[in-house]
Amino acid sequence: MNQKKDTSILSLRNLRKYYGGLKAVDDVSFDVAAHGITGLIGPNGAGKTTVFNLISGTRTVDSGEIYFKGERIDNLALHQTFLKGLCRTFQISRELKLMTVLENLMLVPPKQEGEKLWRTWFFPRLVKKQEKEIREKALESLELTELIHLKDEYAGNLSGGQKRLLELARAMMAGPELILFDEPGAGVNPSERRTLADRIRQLVKEKGVTVLLIGHEMELIMDICNPIVVMDRGKKLTEGTPEEVGSDPKVLEVYLGGTGA
């Protein structure tokens, strides 16, 4: 498949998803440029989360195509897209509350040698070496997200903003090329939101990852996302720079104007 742009890492083509008579996603197409932050916004019920579910493989596509790095993935399940370098977070944080922040991160990498009991018996040095490498990577992720001082704290004790940063750190542990970030500003105070925005930008700049972000917090979206895709009632309404989207009469009427937020 020839992608629309050479710099595109993700391409959606004529996606459709129906739930009975409800058109949750109705003929949606757009591209996500590599090494950038793309926003996906719209009022409640616009179909944003369904699009995330279709991309990540938690829901099946009724029709249309999804390409990740030029490879079609709309027939893959969540664990398969994860192994290909596509990682998603969820609007409600899914931290393991009774484990420490550091332990939450160390559980993420797949295919760990220590998961097989017999390998701990016969290859203890290999298991310890990998565990050390994973720990070092986890500590690096906590440094980047400014959670290092909380590494031994139970994850359930974190504030809303800290939990969103933990979601970001956990995503980093998977070594993703694309992160689908669902409502990073949800339940986060303005100060924590600014920190989160800075960390997302830093992650893109220093690690070269790509971020596709759903959000309702327009200050956060307008600050870090370019371009921004707007959806309404299952359809793509428009797409453009923050300035273009922010001044578009259709967006002002449908999204900013108060039909839903």
C-alpha atoms as a PDB file:
ATOM      1  CA  MET A   1       0.000   0.000   0.000  1.00  0.00           C
ATOM      2  CA  ASN A   2       1.328   3.454  -0.906  1.00  0.00           C
ATOM      3  CA  GLN A   3       0.761   5.674   2.097  1.00  0.00           C
ATOM      4  CA  LYS A   4      -0.530   9.192   1.583  1.00  0.00           C
ATOM      5  CA  LYS A   5       2.626  10.697   3.038  1.00  0.00           C
ATOM      6  CA  ASP A   6       6.106   9.286   3.194  1.00  0.00           C
ATOM      7  CA  THR A   7       6.292  10.486   6.798  1.00  0.00           C
ATOM      8  CA  SER A   8       3.047   8.748   7.842  1.00  0.00           C
ATOM      9  CA  ILE A   9       3.422   5.975  10.390  1.00  0.00           C
ATOM     10  CA  LEU A  10      -0.334   5.301  10.654  1.00  0.00           C
ATOM     11  CA  SER A  11      -3.009   5.525   7.957  1.00  0.00           C
ATOM     12  CA  LEU A  12      -6.760   5.035   8.376  1.00  0.00           C
ATOM     13  CA  ARG A  13      -8.791   4.452   5.237  1.00  0.00           C
ATOM     14  CA  ASN A  14     -12.622   4.601   5.146  1.00  0.00           C
ATOM     15  CA  LEU A  15     -13.046   3.051   8.598  1.00  0.00           C
ATOM     16  CA  ARG A  16     -16.513   1.988   9.614  1.00  0.00           C
ATOM     17  CA  LYS A  17     -17.786   0.473  12.856  1.00  0.00           C
ATOM     18  CA  TYR A  18     -21.470  -0.064  13.601  1.00  0.00           C
ATOM     19  CA  TYR A  19     -23.225  -1.114  16.797  1.00  0.00           C
ATOM     20  CA  GLY A  20     -26.642  -2.175  15.601  1.00  0.00           C
ATOM     21  CA  GLY A  21     -28.064   0.913  13.905  1.00  0.00           C
ATOM     22  CA  LEU A  22     -25.504   3.255  15.496  1.00  0.00           C
ATOM     23  CA  LYS A  23     -22.699   4.403  13.205  1.00  0.00           C
ATOM     24  CA  ALA A  24     -19.939   4.775  15.797  1.00  0.00           C
ATOM     25  CA  VAL A  25     -17.296   5.347  13.097  1.00  0.00           C
ATOM     26  CA  ASP A  26     -18.556   6.287   9.649  1.00  0.00           C
ATOM     27  CA  ASP A  27     -16.088   6.407   6.744  1.00  0.00           C
ATOM     28  CA  VAL A  28     -13.186   7.975   8.658  1.00  0.00           C
ATOM     29  CA  SER A  29      -9.791   8.507   6.988  1.00  0.00           C
ATOM     30  CA  PHE A  30      -6.685  10.333   8.182  1.00  0.00           C
ATOM     31  CA  ASP A  31      -2.912   9.942   8.509  1.00  0.00           C
ATOM     32  CA  VAL A  32      -0.622  10.265  11.514  1.00  0.00           C
ATOM     33  CA  ALA A  33       2.816  11.695  10.748  1.00  0.00           C
ATOM     34  CA  ALA A  34       5.809   9.981  12.365  1.00  0.00           C
ATOM     35  CA  HIS A  35       7.680  11.653  15.230  1.00  0.00           C
ATOM     36  CA  GLY A  36       4.909  14.113  15.997  1.00  0.00           C
ATOM     37  CA  ILE A  37       1.857  14.594  18.213  1.00  0.00           C
ATOM     38  CA  THR A  38      -1.529  14.358  16.487  1.00  0.00           C
ATOM     39  CA  GLY A  39      -4.701  15.265  18.369  1.00  0.00           C
ATOM     40  CA  LEU A  40      -8.098  13.611  17.943  1.00  0.00           C
ATOM     41  CA  ILE A  41     -10.971  15.621  19.420  1.00  0.00           C
ATOM     42  CA  GLY A  42     -14.735  15.874  19.340  1.00  0.00           C
ATOM     43  CA  PRO A  43     -17.790  15.933  21.645  1.00  0.00           C
ATOM     44  CA  ASN A  44     -18.840  12.905  23.652  1.00  0.00           C
ATOM     45  CA  GLY A  45     -20.093  10.184  21.339  1.00  0.00           C
ATOM     46  CA  ALA A  46     -18.080  11.484  18.385  1.00  0.00           C
ATOM     47  CA  GLY A  47     -16.363   8.104  17.928  1.00  0.00           C
ATOM     48  CA  LYS A  48     -12.857   8.959  19.132  1.00  0.00           C
ATOM     49  CA  THR A  49     -12.432   6.075  21.565  1.00  0.00           C
ATOM     50  CA  THR A  50     -13.930   3.648  19.043  1.00  0.00           C
ATOM     51  CA  VAL A  51     -11.250   4.751  16.559  1.00  0.00           C
ATOM     52  CA  PHE A  52      -8.605   4.001  19.217  1.00  0.00           C
ATOM     53  CA  ASN A  53     -10.169   0.598  19.827  1.00  0.00           C
ATOM     54  CA  LEU A  54     -10.102  -0.200  16.113  1.00  0.00           C
ATOM     55  CA  ILE A  55      -6.467   0.864  15.726  1.00  0.00           C
ATOM     56  CA  SER A  56      -5.246  -1.054  18.768  1.00  0.00           C
ATOM     57  CA  GLY A  57      -7.247  -4.192  18.016  1.00  0.00           C
ATOM     58  CA  THR A  58      -9.638  -4.185  20.975  1.00  0.00           C
ATOM     59  CA  ARG A  59     -12.517  -3.942  18.481  1.00  0.00           C
ATOM     60  CA  THR A  60     -12.840  -5.344  14.966  1.00  0.00           C
ATOM     61  CA  VAL A  61     -13.332  -3.169  11.897  1.00  0.00           C
ATOM     62  CA  ASP A  62     -16.596  -3.606   9.976  1.00  0.00           C
ATOM     63  CA  SER A  63     -15.010  -2.163   6.840  1.00  0.00           C
ATOM     64  CA  GLY A  64     -12.029  -0.058   5.868  1.00  0.00           C
ATOM     65  CA  GLU A  65      -8.294  -0.466   6.363  1.00  0.00           C
ATOM     66  CA  ILE A  66      -5.636   0.489   8.914  1.00  0.00           C
ATOM     67  CA  TYR A  67      -1.929   0.566   8.044  1.00  0.00           C
ATOM     68  CA  PHE A  68       0.909   0.816  10.566  1.00  0.00           C
ATOM     69  CA  LYS A  69       4.356   1.378   9.020  1.00  0.00           C
ATOM     70  CA  GLY A  70       2.855   0.327   5.692  1.00  0.00           C
ATOM     71  CA  GLU A  71       1.532  -3.002   7.042  1.00  0.00           C
ATOM     72  CA  ARG A  72      -2.177  -3.665   7.301  1.00  0.00           C
ATOM     73  CA  ILE A  73      -3.165  -4.257  10.947  1.00  0.00           C
ATOM     74  CA  ASP A  74      -6.957  -4.001  11.057  1.00  0.00           C
ATOM     75  CA  ASN A  75      -7.176  -7.789  11.352  1.00  0.00           C
ATOM     76  CA  LEU A  76      -4.863  -7.982  14.378  1.00  0.00           C
ATOM     77  CA  ALA A  77      -5.718  -8.333  18.078  1.00  0.00           C
ATOM     78  CA  LEU A  78      -4.441  -6.064  20.860  1.00  0.00           C
ATOM     79  CA  HIS A  79      -1.491  -8.261  21.841  1.00  0.00           C
ATOM     80  CA  GLN A  80      -0.426  -8.472  18.198  1.00  0.00           C
ATOM     81  CA  THR A  81      -0.433  -4.718  17.611  1.00  0.00           C
ATOM     82  CA  PHE A  82       1.462  -4.324  20.904  1.00  0.00           C
ATOM     83  CA  LEU A  83       4.242  -6.603  19.692  1.00  0.00           C
ATOM     84  CA  LYS A  84       4.491  -4.558  16.485  1.00  0.00           C
ATOM     85  CA  GLY A  85       5.296  -1.398  18.443  1.00  0.00           C
ATOM     86  CA  LEU A  86       1.860   0.132  18.939  1.00  0.00           C
ATOM     87  CA  CYS A  87       0.888   0.844  22.553  1.00  0.00           C
ATOM     88  CA  ARG A  88      -2.281   2.413  23.947  1.00  0.00           C
ATOM     89  CA  THR A  89      -3.280   3.851  27.294  1.00  0.00           C
ATOM     90  CA  PHE A  90      -6.815   4.077  28.641  1.00  0.00           C
ATOM     91  CA  GLN A  91      -8.951   6.959  29.886  1.00  0.00           C
ATOM     92  CA  ILE A  92      -9.195   5.312  33.306  1.00  0.00           C
ATOM     93  CA  SER A  93      -5.736   4.518  34.630  1.00  0.00           C
ATOM     94  CA  ARG A  94      -5.090   0.787  34.925  1.00  0.00           C
ATOM     95  CA  GLU A  95      -2.191   0.768  37.347  1.00  0.00           C
ATOM     96  CA  LEU A  96      -1.675  -2.217  39.636  1.00  0.00           C
ATOM     97  CA  LYS A  97      -2.588  -0.397  42.821  1.00  0.00           C
ATOM     98  CA  LEU A  98      -0.946  -2.775  45.334  1.00  0.00           C
ATOM     99  CA  MET A  99       2.386  -2.877  43.514  1.00  0.00           C
ATOM    100  CA  THR A 100       5.013  -0.159  43.601  1.00  0.00           C
ATOM    101  CA  VAL A 101       5.507   2.324  40.795  1.00  0.00           C
ATOM    102  CA  LEU A 102       8.757   0.586  39.832  1.00  0.00           C
ATOM    103  CA  GLU A 103       7.145  -2.865  39.873  1.00  0.00           C
ATOM    104  CA  ASN A 104       4.334  -1.584  37.616  1.00  0.00           C
ATOM    105  CA  LEU A 105       6.940  -0.681  35.018  1.00  0.00           C
ATOM    106  CA  MET A 106       9.028  -3.826  35.315  1.00  0.00           C
ATOM    107  CA  LEU A 107       6.038  -6.019  34.487  1.00  0.00           C
ATOM    108  CA  VAL A 108       5.512  -4.411  31.068  1.00  0.00           C
ATOM    109  CA  PRO A 109       8.232  -5.848  28.769  1.00  0.00           C
ATOM    110  CA  PRO A 110       6.985  -9.061  27.081  1.00  0.00           C
ATOM    111  CA  LYS A 111       8.754 -12.418  26.936  1.00  0.00           C
ATOM    112  CA  GLN A 112      10.782 -12.014  30.124  1.00  0.00           C
ATOM    113  CA  GLU A 113      13.086 -14.930  30.901  1.00  0.00           C
ATOM    114  CA  GLY A 114      11.998 -14.974  34.543  1.00  0.00           C
ATOM    115  CA  GLU A 115       8.411 -15.792  33.552  1.00  0.00           C
ATOM    116  CA  LYS A 116       9.500 -19.378  32.907  1.00  0.00           C
ATOM    117  CA  LEU A 117      10.325 -21.098  36.175  1.00  0.00           C
ATOM    118  CA  TRP A 118      12.638 -23.660  34.593  1.00  0.00           C
ATOM    119  CA  ARG A 119      14.810 -20.898  33.139  1.00  0.00           C
ATOM    120  CA  THR A 120      15.344 -19.431  36.607  1.00  0.00           C
ATOM    121  CA  TRP A 121      16.699 -22.841  37.596  1.00  0.00           C
ATOM    122  CA  PHE A 122      18.951 -23.522  34.622  1.00  0.00           C
ATOM    123  CA  PHE A 123      19.851 -19.993  33.443  1.00  0.00           C
ATOM    124  CA  PRO A 124      19.877 -17.824  36.590  1.00  0.00           C
ATOM    125  CA  ARG A 125      22.567 -15.476  35.268  1.00  0.00           C
ATOM    126  CA  LEU A 126      20.601 -14.790  32.097  1.00  0.00           C
ATOM    127  CA  VAL A 127      17.455 -14.094  34.121  1.00  0.00           C
ATOM    128  CA  LYS A 128      19.296 -11.743  36.497  1.00  0.00           C
ATOM    129  CA  LYS A 129      20.989  -9.937  33.612  1.00  0.00           C
ATOM    130  CA  GLN A 130      17.670  -9.293  31.877  1.00  0.00           C
ATOM    131  CA  GLU A 131      16.032  -8.233  35.130  1.00  0.00           C
ATOM    132  CA  LYS A 132      18.839  -5.726  35.717  1.00  0.00           C
ATOM    133  CA  GLU A 133      18.400  -4.301  32.210  1.00  0.00           C
ATOM    134  CA  ILE A 134      14.636  -3.984  32.692  1.00  0.00           C
ATOM    135  CA  ARG A 135      15.126  -2.271  36.055  1.00  0.00           C
ATOM    136  CA  GLU A 136      17.565   0.229  34.527  1.00  0.00           C
ATOM    137  CA  LYS A 137      15.112   0.984  31.723  1.00  0.00           C
ATOM    138  CA  ALA A 138      12.314   1.435  34.262  1.00  0.00           C
ATOM    139  CA  LEU A 139      14.396   3.855  36.311  1.00  0.00           C
ATOM    140  CA  GLU A 140      15.233   5.805  33.144  1.00  0.00           C
ATOM    141  CA  SER A 141      11.516   6.023  32.302  1.00  0.00           C
ATOM    142  CA  LEU A 142      10.760   7.256  35.823  1.00  0.00           C
ATOM    143  CA  GLU A 143      13.477   9.888  35.530  1.00  0.00           C
ATOM    144  CA  LEU A 144      11.995  11.141  32.263  1.00  0.00           C
ATOM    145  CA  THR A 145       8.474  11.312  33.704  1.00  0.00           C
ATOM    146  CA  GLU A 146       9.713  12.841  36.991  1.00  0.00           C
ATOM    147  CA  LEU A 147       8.354   9.951  39.058  1.00  0.00           C
ATOM    148  CA  ILE A 148      11.712   8.644  40.251  1.00  0.00           C
ATOM    149  CA  HIS A 149      11.121   9.896  43.793  1.00  0.00           C
ATOM    150  CA  LEU A 150       7.976   7.737  43.917  1.00  0.00           C
ATOM    151  CA  LYS A 151       9.520   4.506  42.632  1.00  0.00           C
ATOM    152  CA  ASP A 152       8.828   2.652  45.903  1.00  0.00           C
ATOM    153  CA  GLU A 153       5.370   4.142  46.446  1.00  0.00           C
ATOM    154  CA  TYR A 154       2.282   2.011  45.885  1.00  0.00           C
ATOM    155  CA  ALA A 155       0.764   2.989  42.536  1.00  0.00           C
ATOM    156  CA  GLY A 156      -2.699   3.263  44.077  1.00  0.00           C
ATOM    157  CA  ASN A 157      -1.490   6.160  46.237  1.00  0.00           C
ATOM    158  CA  LEU A 158      -0.531   8.398  43.322  1.00  0.00           C
ATOM    159  CA  SER A 159      -2.444  11.554  42.413  1.00  0.00           C
ATOM    160  CA  GLY A 160      -4.437  11.752  39.180  1.00  0.00           C
ATOM    161  CA  GLY A 161      -1.620  13.513  37.349  1.00  0.00           C
ATOM    162  CA  GLN A 162       0.989  11.116  38.659  1.00  0.00           C
ATOM    163  CA  LYS A 163      -1.095   8.173  37.455  1.00  0.00           C
ATOM    164  CA  ARG A 164      -1.220   9.671  33.956  1.00  0.00           C
ATOM    165  CA  LEU A 165       2.564  10.049  34.047  1.00  0.00           C
ATOM    166  CA  LEU A 166       2.790   6.429  35.187  1.00  0.00           C
ATOM    167  CA  GLU A 167       0.684   5.426  32.163  1.00  0.00           C
ATOM    168  CA  LEU A 168       3.180   7.265  29.962  1.00  0.00           C
ATOM    169  CA  ALA A 169       6.139   5.589  31.694  1.00  0.00           C
ATOM    170  CA  ARG A 170       4.528   2.162  31.301  1.00  0.00           C
ATOM    171  CA  ALA A 171       3.980   2.809  27.610  1.00  0.00           C
ATOM    172  CA  MET A 172       7.652   3.722  27.260  1.00  0.00           C
ATOM    173  CA  MET A 173       8.658   0.386  28.779  1.00  0.00           C
ATOM    174  CA  ALA A 174       7.139  -1.383  25.793  1.00  0.00           C
ATOM    175  CA  GLY A 175       9.561   0.420  23.467  1.00  0.00           C
ATOM    176  CA  PRO A 176       6.708   1.655  21.255  1.00  0.00           C
ATOM    177  CA  GLU A 177       6.941   3.509  17.983  1.00  0.00           C
ATOM    178  CA  LEU A 178       3.378   4.795  18.345  1.00  0.00           C
ATOM    179  CA  ILE A 179       1.497   5.604  21.562  1.00  0.00           C
ATOM    180  CA  LEU A 180      -2.283   6.015  21.553  1.00  0.00           C
ATOM    181  CA  PHE A 181      -2.837   8.261  24.579  1.00  0.00           C
ATOM    182  CA  ASP A 182      -6.473   8.315  25.753  1.00  0.00           C
ATOM    183  CA  GLU A 183      -7.464  11.456  27.703  1.00  0.00           C
ATOM    184  CA  PRO A 184      -4.082  12.203  29.348  1.00  0.00           C
ATOM    185  CA  GLY A 185      -5.498  15.315  31.004  1.00  0.00           C
ATOM    186  CA  ALA A 186      -8.475  13.567  32.641  1.00  0.00           C
ATOM    187  CA  GLY A 187      -8.580  14.180  36.385  1.00  0.00           C
ATOM    188  CA  VAL A 188      -5.379  16.212  36.281  1.00  0.00           C
ATOM    189  CA  ASN A 189      -4.911  19.666  37.811  1.00  0.00           C
ATOM    190  CA  PRO A 190      -3.431  22.491  35.682  1.00  0.00           C
ATOM    191  CA  SER A 191       0.066  22.200  37.150  1.00  0.00           C
ATOM    192  CA  GLU A 192       0.215  18.448  36.580  1.00  0.00           C
ATOM    193  CA  ARG A 193      -1.227  18.955  33.095  1.00  0.00           C
ATOM    194  CA  ARG A 194       1.640  21.276  32.178  1.00  0.00           C
ATOM    195  CA  THR A 195       4.150  18.728  33.473  1.00  0.00           C
ATOM    196  CA  LEU A 196       2.442  15.992  31.472  1.00  0.00           C
ATOM    197  CA  ALA A 197       2.531  18.124  28.312  1.00  0.00           C
ATOM    198  CA  ASP A 198       6.247  18.786  28.795  1.00  0.00           C
ATOM    199  CA  ARG A 199       6.984  15.091  29.303  1.00  0.00           C
ATOM    200  CA  ILE A 200       5.032  14.084  26.178  1.00  0.00           C
ATOM    201  CA  ARG A 201       6.934  16.625  24.095  1.00  0.00           C
ATOM    202  CA  GLN A 202      10.223  15.471  25.592  1.00  0.00           C
ATOM    203  CA  LEU A 203       9.405  11.836  24.856  1.00  0.00           C
ATOM    204  CA  VAL A 204       8.692  12.612  21.201  1.00  0.00           C
ATOM    205  CA  LYS A 205      11.842  14.716  20.844  1.00  0.00           C
ATOM    206  CA  GLU A 206      14.292  12.470  22.677  1.00  0.00           C
ATOM    207  CA  LYS A 207      12.924   8.997  21.930  1.00  0.00           C
ATOM    208  CA  GLY A 208      11.513   9.624  18.448  1.00  0.00           C
ATOM    209  CA  VAL A 209       8.126   8.100  19.206  1.00  0.00           C
ATOM    210  CA  THR A 210       4.833   9.192  17.671  1.00  0.00           C
ATOM    211  CA  VAL A 211       1.768  10.124  19.726  1.00  0.00           C
ATOM    212  CA  LEU A 212      -1.905  10.082  18.743  1.00  0.00           C
ATOM    213  CA  LEU A 213      -3.826  11.730  21.557  1.00  0.00           C
ATOM    214  CA  ILE A 214      -7.508  11.951  22.481  1.00  0.00           C
ATOM    215  CA  GLY A 215      -8.402  14.853  24.717  1.00  0.00           C
ATOM    216  CA  HIS A 216     -11.117  17.152  25.976  1.00  0.00           C
ATOM    217  CA  GLU A 217      -8.758  19.676  27.581  1.00  0.00           C
ATOM    218  CA  MET A 218      -8.459  22.172  24.750  1.00  0.00           C
ATOM    219  CA  GLU A 219      -5.564  24.029  26.361  1.00  0.00           C
ATOM    220  CA  LEU A 220      -3.507  20.827  26.376  1.00  0.00           C
ATOM    221  CA  ILE A 221      -4.568  19.832  22.845  1.00  0.00           C
ATOM    222  CA  MET A 222      -3.868  23.247  21.355  1.00  0.00           C
ATOM    223  CA  ASP A 223      -0.534  23.415  23.165  1.00  0.00           C
ATOM    224  CA  ILE A 224       1.069  20.149  22.041  1.00  0.00           C
ATOM    225  CA  CYS A 225      -0.866  18.742  19.068  1.00  0.00           C
ATOM    226  CA  ASN A 226      -0.325  19.553  15.397  1.00  0.00           C
ATOM    227  CA  PRO A 227      -2.299  18.561  13.406  1.00  0.00           C
ATOM    228  CA  ILE A 228      -5.660  18.110  15.107  1.00  0.00           C
ATOM    229  CA  VAL A 229      -8.388  15.842  13.682  1.00  0.00           C
ATOM    230  CA  VAL A 230     -11.962  16.681  14.688  1.00  0.00           C
ATOM    231  CA  MET A 231     -14.764  14.109  14.744  1.00  0.00           C
ATOM    232  CA  ASP A 232     -18.504  14.524  15.196  1.00  0.00           C
ATOM    233  CA  ARG A 233     -21.189  11.833  15.259  1.00  0.00           C
ATOM    234  CA  GLY A 234     -18.860   9.186  13.890  1.00  0.00           C
ATOM    235  CA  LYS A 235     -17.518  11.235  11.004  1.00  0.00           C
ATOM    236  CA  LYS A 236     -14.351  13.230  10.451  1.00  0.00           C
ATOM    237  CA  LEU A 237     -15.433  16.860  10.560  1.00  0.00           C
ATOM    238  CA  THR A 238     -12.159  18.578   9.699  1.00  0.00           C
ATOM    239  CA  GLU A 239      -8.384  18.470  10.189  1.00  0.00           C
ATOM    240  CA  GLY A 240      -5.744  21.167  10.470  1.00  0.00           C
ATOM    241  CA  THR A 241      -3.361  23.142  12.620  1.00  0.00           C
ATOM    242  CA  PRO A 242      -4.471  24.327  16.079  1.00  0.00           C
ATOM    243  CA  GLU A 243      -5.064  27.784  14.613  1.00  0.00           C
ATOM    244  CA  GLU A 244      -7.170  26.427  11.737  1.00  0.00           C
ATOM    245  CA  VAL A 245      -9.224  24.130  13.961  1.00  0.00           C
ATOM    246  CA  GLY A 246      -9.656  26.756  16.656  1.00  0.00           C
ATOM    247  CA  SER A 247     -11.135  29.252  14.190  1.00  0.00           C
ATOM    248  CA  ASP A 248     -13.226  26.821  12.117  1.00  0.00           C
ATOM    249  CA  PRO A 249     -16.935  27.726  12.429  1.00  0.00           C
ATOM    250  CA  LYS A 250     -17.946  24.061  12.221  1.00  0.00           C
ATOM    251  CA  VAL A 251     -15.689  23.198  15.180  1.00  0.00           C
ATOM    252  CA  LEU A 252     -16.834  26.211  17.183  1.00  0.00           C
ATOM    253  CA  GLU A 253     -20.449  25.197  16.634  1.00  0.00           C
ATOM    254  CA  VAL A 254     -20.151  21.449  17.156  1.00  0.00           C
ATOM    255  CA  TYR A 255     -17.368  21.103  19.695  1.00  0.00           C
ATOM    256  CA  LEU A 256     -16.470  24.362  21.383  1.00  0.00           C
ATOM    257  CA  GLY A 257     -19.943  25.777  21.081  1.00  0.00           C
ATOM    258  CA  GLY A 258     -21.495  23.481  23.632  1.00  0.00           C
ATOM    259  CA  THR A 259     -23.180  20.520  21.913  1.00  0.00           C
ATOM    260  CA  GLY A 260     -21.021  18.315  24.099  1.00  0.00           C
ATOM    261  CA  ALA A 261     -17.601  18.283  25.700  1.00  0.00           C
END
